[in-house]
Amino acid sequence: MAKEVRIRPIRESELDLVASSSQDPDQAGPYSFFGYSDPGWLRRDFAETGFLTEDRGALAVALGEPTEPGDYIGGVGWHRVTTSPVSFTWNIGIGLLADARGHGYGTRAQRLLAEYLFAHTQVNRVEASTEVDNAAERRSLEKAGFTFEGVLRGACFRAGRWRDMASYSMVRADLG
């Protein structure tokens, strides 16, 4: 990695790139395309929340200095998952543009997001899952410090069938 990986708020000028990472099958890749959806929902959500609420959020994954134009290479997101009447965990996900995959950027971005969530919320657990045959993402999560917990059978519907998911987590104590 020649340039430093950062996470930061998504800019309005990047919304077309954000949309392409899930709406364009070639950009989304084989594990992140779940079909086409309302093309206007991203702009509406951005206008209303900036992609940051108490229950969920999304940040840009960027390379280089904060002032460099065109530094957007993907996004990370999280949402609240209730685990008991008095606790919850964050479930995270990532989507990198096709040209940014395979360079270690996702590993760094997922670690940065977990550190960010532990630093700015009281949550004790951050979790992630990916399809069991997504070897690149599984390696990325493990390199980022996540622990494999098991397989969630038939947990994800994509491309016409139910798929098993590999479940990973990190707790505060894992940061060391």
C-alpha atoms as a PDB file:
ATOM      1  CA  MET A   1       0.000   0.000   0.000  1.00  0.00           C
ATOM      2  CA  ALA A   2       1.626   3.221  -1.135  1.00  0.00           C
ATOM      3  CA  LYS A   3      -1.061   5.570   0.181  1.00  0.00           C
ATOM      4  CA  GLU A   4      -2.562   5.656   3.651  1.00  0.00           C
ATOM      5  CA  VAL A   5      -6.069   4.228   4.051  1.00  0.00           C
ATOM      6  CA  ARG A   6      -8.526   6.484   5.897  1.00  0.00           C
ATOM      7  CA  ILE A   7     -12.202   6.448   6.746  1.00  0.00           C
ATOM      8  CA  ARG A   8     -14.136   9.711   6.624  1.00  0.00           C
ATOM      9  CA  PRO A   9     -17.644  11.041   5.972  1.00  0.00           C
ATOM     10  CA  ILE A  10     -18.979  10.470   2.474  1.00  0.00           C
ATOM     11  CA  ARG A  11     -19.149  13.570   0.273  1.00  0.00           C
ATOM     12  CA  GLU A  12     -22.216  14.407  -1.802  1.00  0.00           C
ATOM     13  CA  SER A  13     -19.993  14.445  -4.903  1.00  0.00           C
ATOM     14  CA  GLU A  14     -19.263  10.726  -4.286  1.00  0.00           C
ATOM     15  CA  LEU A  15     -22.855   9.482  -4.286  1.00  0.00           C
ATOM     16  CA  ASP A  16     -22.640   8.100  -7.839  1.00  0.00           C
ATOM     17  CA  LEU A  17     -19.594   6.032  -6.808  1.00  0.00           C
ATOM     18  CA  VAL A  18     -21.408   4.878  -3.668  1.00  0.00           C
ATOM     19  CA  ALA A  19     -24.361   3.787  -5.805  1.00  0.00           C
ATOM     20  CA  SER A  20     -22.160   1.959  -8.314  1.00  0.00           C
ATOM     21  CA  SER A  21     -20.593  -0.160  -5.577  1.00  0.00           C
ATOM     22  CA  SER A  22     -23.953  -1.859  -5.014  1.00  0.00           C
ATOM     23  CA  GLN A  23     -25.999  -1.144  -8.183  1.00  0.00           C
ATOM     24  CA  ASP A  24     -23.406  -1.977 -10.862  1.00  0.00           C
ATOM     25  CA  PRO A  25     -22.794  -5.753 -10.913  1.00  0.00           C
ATOM     26  CA  ASP A  26     -19.231  -5.276 -12.201  1.00  0.00           C
ATOM     27  CA  GLN A  27     -18.328  -2.792  -9.447  1.00  0.00           C
ATOM     28  CA  ALA A  28     -20.211  -4.645  -6.706  1.00  0.00           C
ATOM     29  CA  GLY A  29     -18.542  -7.945  -7.498  1.00  0.00           C
ATOM     30  CA  PRO A  30     -19.930 -11.434  -7.012  1.00  0.00           C
ATOM     31  CA  TYR A  31     -20.676 -11.054  -3.281  1.00  0.00           C
ATOM     32  CA  SER A  32     -22.179  -7.562  -3.079  1.00  0.00           C
ATOM     33  CA  PHE A  33     -24.734  -7.359  -5.884  1.00  0.00           C
ATOM     34  CA  PHE A  34     -28.217  -8.051  -4.516  1.00  0.00           C
ATOM     35  CA  GLY A  35     -30.224  -6.730  -7.456  1.00  0.00           C
ATOM     36  CA  TYR A  36     -31.281  -3.273  -8.566  1.00  0.00           C
ATOM     37  CA  SER A  37     -33.138  -0.925  -6.237  1.00  0.00           C
ATOM     38  CA  ASP A  38     -34.593   2.571  -6.182  1.00  0.00           C
ATOM     39  CA  PRO A  39     -31.850   4.760  -7.663  1.00  0.00           C
ATOM     40  CA  GLY A  40     -32.947   7.780  -5.626  1.00  0.00           C
ATOM     41  CA  TRP A  41     -32.836   6.284  -2.139  1.00  0.00           C
ATOM     42  CA  LEU A  42     -29.131   7.030  -1.616  1.00  0.00           C
ATOM     43  CA  ARG A  43     -29.544  10.734  -2.364  1.00  0.00           C
ATOM     44  CA  ARG A  44     -32.654  10.946  -0.168  1.00  0.00           C
ATOM     45  CA  ASP A  45     -30.906   9.173   2.714  1.00  0.00           C
ATOM     46  CA  PHE A  46     -27.796  11.315   2.337  1.00  0.00           C
ATOM     47  CA  ALA A  47     -29.892  14.513   2.311  1.00  0.00           C
ATOM     48  CA  GLU A  48     -31.795  13.430   5.448  1.00  0.00           C
ATOM     49  CA  THR A  49     -29.015  11.861   7.541  1.00  0.00           C
ATOM     50  CA  GLY A  50     -25.633  12.197   5.847  1.00  0.00           C
ATOM     51  CA  PHE A  51     -25.542   8.400   6.314  1.00  0.00           C
ATOM     52  CA  LEU A  52     -25.028   8.818  10.089  1.00  0.00           C
ATOM     53  CA  THR A  53     -27.728   7.999  12.667  1.00  0.00           C
ATOM     54  CA  GLU A  54     -27.836   6.483  16.150  1.00  0.00           C
ATOM     55  CA  ASP A  55     -28.604   3.038  14.686  1.00  0.00           C
ATOM     56  CA  ARG A  56     -26.456   2.931  11.543  1.00  0.00           C
ATOM     57  CA  GLY A  57     -23.822   4.712   9.562  1.00  0.00           C
ATOM     58  CA  ALA A  58     -21.606   4.711   6.515  1.00  0.00           C
ATOM     59  CA  LEU A  59     -18.199   6.246   5.872  1.00  0.00           C
ATOM     60  CA  ALA A  60     -15.976   6.531   2.827  1.00  0.00           C
ATOM     61  CA  VAL A  61     -12.808   4.481   2.488  1.00  0.00           C
ATOM     62  CA  ALA A  62     -10.241   6.870   1.036  1.00  0.00           C
ATOM     63  CA  LEU A  63      -6.582   6.889   0.071  1.00  0.00           C
ATOM     64  CA  GLY A  64      -3.987   9.592   0.551  1.00  0.00           C
ATOM     65  CA  GLU A  65      -4.342  13.033   2.053  1.00  0.00           C
ATOM     66  CA  PRO A  66      -7.809  14.340   3.010  1.00  0.00           C
ATOM     67  CA  THR A  67      -7.619  17.113   0.413  1.00  0.00           C
ATOM     68  CA  GLU A  68      -6.852  14.877  -2.578  1.00  0.00           C
ATOM     69  CA  PRO A  69      -9.735  14.815  -5.072  1.00  0.00           C
ATOM     70  CA  GLY A  70     -10.838  11.406  -6.232  1.00  0.00           C
ATOM     71  CA  ASP A  71      -9.538   9.620  -3.145  1.00  0.00           C
ATOM     72  CA  TYR A  72     -12.757   7.569  -2.667  1.00  0.00           C
ATOM     73  CA  ILE A  73     -12.196   3.814  -3.141  1.00  0.00           C
ATOM     74  CA  GLY A  74     -15.243   2.406  -1.358  1.00  0.00           C
ATOM     75  CA  GLY A  75     -17.290   2.506   1.788  1.00  0.00           C
ATOM     76  CA  VAL A  76     -17.773   0.877   5.158  1.00  0.00           C
ATOM     77  CA  GLY A  77     -21.012   0.731   7.072  1.00  0.00           C
ATOM     78  CA  TRP A  78     -22.518  -0.474  10.313  1.00  0.00           C
ATOM     79  CA  HIS A  79     -25.904  -1.068  11.862  1.00  0.00           C
ATOM     80  CA  ARG A  80     -27.174  -1.899  15.327  1.00  0.00           C
ATOM     81  CA  VAL A  81     -28.103  -5.498  16.164  1.00  0.00           C
ATOM     82  CA  THR A  82     -29.958  -5.923  19.462  1.00  0.00           C
ATOM     83  CA  THR A  83     -28.497  -8.798  21.505  1.00  0.00           C
ATOM     84  CA  SER A  84     -30.489  -8.431  24.735  1.00  0.00           C
ATOM     85  CA  PRO A  85     -32.957  -5.998  26.280  1.00  0.00           C
ATOM     86  CA  VAL A  86     -30.010  -3.887  27.497  1.00  0.00           C
ATOM     87  CA  SER A  87     -27.224  -4.445  24.945  1.00  0.00           C
ATOM     88  CA  PHE A  88     -26.412  -4.420  21.278  1.00  0.00           C
ATOM     89  CA  THR A  89     -23.551  -5.030  18.869  1.00  0.00           C
ATOM     90  CA  TRP A  90     -22.513  -3.317  15.652  1.00  0.00           C
ATOM     91  CA  ASN A  91     -22.621  -5.371  12.458  1.00  0.00           C
ATOM     92  CA  ILE A  92     -20.227  -3.988   9.839  1.00  0.00           C
ATOM     93  CA  GLY A  93     -19.790  -4.352   6.106  1.00  0.00           C
ATOM     94  CA  ILE A  94     -17.523  -3.075   3.360  1.00  0.00           C
ATOM     95  CA  GLY A  95     -17.743  -2.430  -0.359  1.00  0.00           C
ATOM     96  CA  LEU A  96     -14.668  -1.459  -2.349  1.00  0.00           C
ATOM     97  CA  LEU A  97     -14.625  -0.358  -5.974  1.00  0.00           C
ATOM     98  CA  ALA A  98     -13.336  -3.135  -8.250  1.00  0.00           C
ATOM     99  CA  ASP A  99      -9.905  -1.544  -8.851  1.00  0.00           C
ATOM    100  CA  ALA A 100      -9.305  -1.168  -5.099  1.00  0.00           C
ATOM    101  CA  ARG A 101      -9.753  -4.845  -4.226  1.00  0.00           C
ATOM    102  CA  GLY A 102      -6.790  -7.096  -3.525  1.00  0.00           C
ATOM    103  CA  HIS A 103      -4.431  -4.428  -2.174  1.00  0.00           C
ATOM    104  CA  GLY A 104      -5.069  -4.766   1.576  1.00  0.00           C
ATOM    105  CA  TYR A 105      -7.209  -1.611   1.732  1.00  0.00           C
ATOM    106  CA  GLY A 106     -10.246  -3.524   2.991  1.00  0.00           C
ATOM    107  CA  THR A 107      -8.315  -5.081   5.851  1.00  0.00           C
ATOM    108  CA  ARG A 108      -7.127  -1.676   7.044  1.00  0.00           C
ATOM    109  CA  ALA A 109     -10.532  -0.036   6.557  1.00  0.00           C
ATOM    110  CA  GLN A 110     -12.357  -2.710   8.567  1.00  0.00           C
ATOM    111  CA  ARG A 111      -9.838  -2.427  11.396  1.00  0.00           C
ATOM    112  CA  LEU A 112     -10.167   1.380  11.357  1.00  0.00           C
ATOM    113  CA  LEU A 113     -13.959   1.100  11.490  1.00  0.00           C
ATOM    114  CA  ALA A 114     -13.866  -1.302  14.448  1.00  0.00           C
ATOM    115  CA  GLU A 115     -11.455   1.009  16.289  1.00  0.00           C
ATOM    116  CA  TYR A 116     -13.689   3.992  15.484  1.00  0.00           C
ATOM    117  CA  LEU A 117     -16.819   2.243  16.804  1.00  0.00           C
ATOM    118  CA  PHE A 118     -15.070   1.158  20.025  1.00  0.00           C
ATOM    119  CA  ALA A 119     -13.708   4.683  20.535  1.00  0.00           C
ATOM    120  CA  HIS A 120     -17.000   6.507  19.947  1.00  0.00           C
ATOM    121  CA  THR A 121     -19.650   4.141  21.322  1.00  0.00           C
ATOM    122  CA  GLN A 122     -20.001   1.970  24.406  1.00  0.00           C
ATOM    123  CA  VAL A 123     -20.469  -1.242  22.422  1.00  0.00           C
ATOM    124  CA  ASN A 124     -18.338  -4.224  23.442  1.00  0.00           C
ATOM    125  CA  ARG A 125     -18.693  -6.257  20.231  1.00  0.00           C
ATOM    126  CA  VAL A 126     -18.352  -5.606  16.500  1.00  0.00           C
ATOM    127  CA  GLU A 127     -19.371  -8.402  14.160  1.00  0.00           C
ATOM    128  CA  ALA A 128     -19.188  -9.122  10.446  1.00  0.00           C
ATOM    129  CA  SER A 129     -20.201 -11.941   8.164  1.00  0.00           C
ATOM    130  CA  THR A 130     -19.501 -12.972   4.603  1.00  0.00           C
ATOM    131  CA  GLU A 131     -20.450 -15.844   2.373  1.00  0.00           C
ATOM    132  CA  VAL A 132     -18.448 -18.943   3.293  1.00  0.00           C
ATOM    133  CA  ASP A 133     -16.768 -19.125  -0.117  1.00  0.00           C
ATOM    134  CA  ASN A 134     -15.621 -15.469  -0.082  1.00  0.00           C
ATOM    135  CA  ALA A 135     -12.025 -16.378   0.775  1.00  0.00           C
ATOM    136  CA  ALA A 136     -10.654 -12.860   0.200  1.00  0.00           C
ATOM    137  CA  GLU A 137     -13.059 -11.232   2.660  1.00  0.00           C
ATOM    138  CA  ARG A 138     -12.553 -13.994   5.218  1.00  0.00           C
ATOM    139  CA  ARG A 139      -8.760 -13.427   5.058  1.00  0.00           C
ATOM    140  CA  SER A 140      -9.302  -9.678   5.296  1.00  0.00           C
ATOM    141  CA  LEU A 141     -11.423  -9.969   8.442  1.00  0.00           C
ATOM    142  CA  GLU A 142      -8.921 -12.305  10.079  1.00  0.00           C
ATOM    143  CA  LYS A 143      -5.991 -10.000   9.239  1.00  0.00           C
ATOM    144  CA  ALA A 144      -8.000  -7.084  10.664  1.00  0.00           C
ATOM    145  CA  GLY A 145      -8.218  -8.918  14.002  1.00  0.00           C
ATOM    146  CA  PHE A 146     -11.662 -10.514  13.797  1.00  0.00           C
ATOM    147  CA  THR A 147     -12.190 -14.037  15.159  1.00  0.00           C
ATOM    148  CA  PHE A 148     -14.073 -16.694  13.197  1.00  0.00           C
ATOM    149  CA  GLU A 149     -17.086 -17.843  15.234  1.00  0.00           C
ATOM    150  CA  GLY A 150     -18.869 -20.282  12.979  1.00  0.00           C
ATOM    151  CA  VAL A 151     -21.218 -20.709  10.043  1.00  0.00           C
ATOM    152  CA  LEU A 152     -24.733 -19.267   9.847  1.00  0.00           C
ATOM    153  CA  ARG A 153     -26.567 -21.753   7.663  1.00  0.00           C
ATOM    154  CA  GLY A 154     -28.842 -20.334   4.958  1.00  0.00           C
ATOM    155  CA  ALA A 155     -28.568 -16.797   6.336  1.00  0.00           C
ATOM    156  CA  CYS A 156     -28.173 -14.748   3.132  1.00  0.00           C
ATOM    157  CA  PHE A 157     -30.343 -14.688   0.005  1.00  0.00           C
ATOM    158  CA  ARG A 158     -28.442 -13.600  -3.107  1.00  0.00           C
ATOM    159  CA  ALA A 159     -28.729 -14.445  -6.805  1.00  0.00           C
ATOM    160  CA  GLY A 160     -31.716 -16.749  -6.397  1.00  0.00           C
ATOM    161  CA  ARG A 161     -30.574 -18.946  -3.536  1.00  0.00           C
ATOM    162  CA  TRP A 162     -29.876 -19.049   0.186  1.00  0.00           C
ATOM    163  CA  ARG A 163     -26.201 -19.020   1.156  1.00  0.00           C
ATOM    164  CA  ASP A 164     -24.242 -19.923   4.272  1.00  0.00           C
ATOM    165  CA  MET A 165     -22.369 -17.113   6.005  1.00  0.00           C
ATOM    166  CA  ALA A 166     -19.092 -17.194   7.943  1.00  0.00           C
ATOM    167  CA  SER A 167     -19.498 -15.173  11.140  1.00  0.00           C
ATOM    168  CA  TYR A 168     -16.678 -13.109  12.698  1.00  0.00           C
ATOM    169  CA  SER A 169     -16.391 -10.824  15.712  1.00  0.00           C
ATOM    170  CA  MET A 170     -14.085  -8.545  17.638  1.00  0.00           C
ATOM    171  CA  VAL A 171     -14.577  -7.443  21.250  1.00  0.00           C
ATOM    172  CA  ARG A 172     -12.956  -4.502  23.013  1.00  0.00           C
ATOM    173  CA  ALA A 173     -10.429  -6.744  24.746  1.00  0.00           C
ATOM    174  CA  ASP A 174      -9.142  -7.895  21.328  1.00  0.00           C
ATOM    175  CA  LEU A 175      -7.729  -4.422  20.635  1.00  0.00           C
ATOM    176  CA  GLY A 176      -5.079  -5.077  23.298  1.00  0.00           C
END
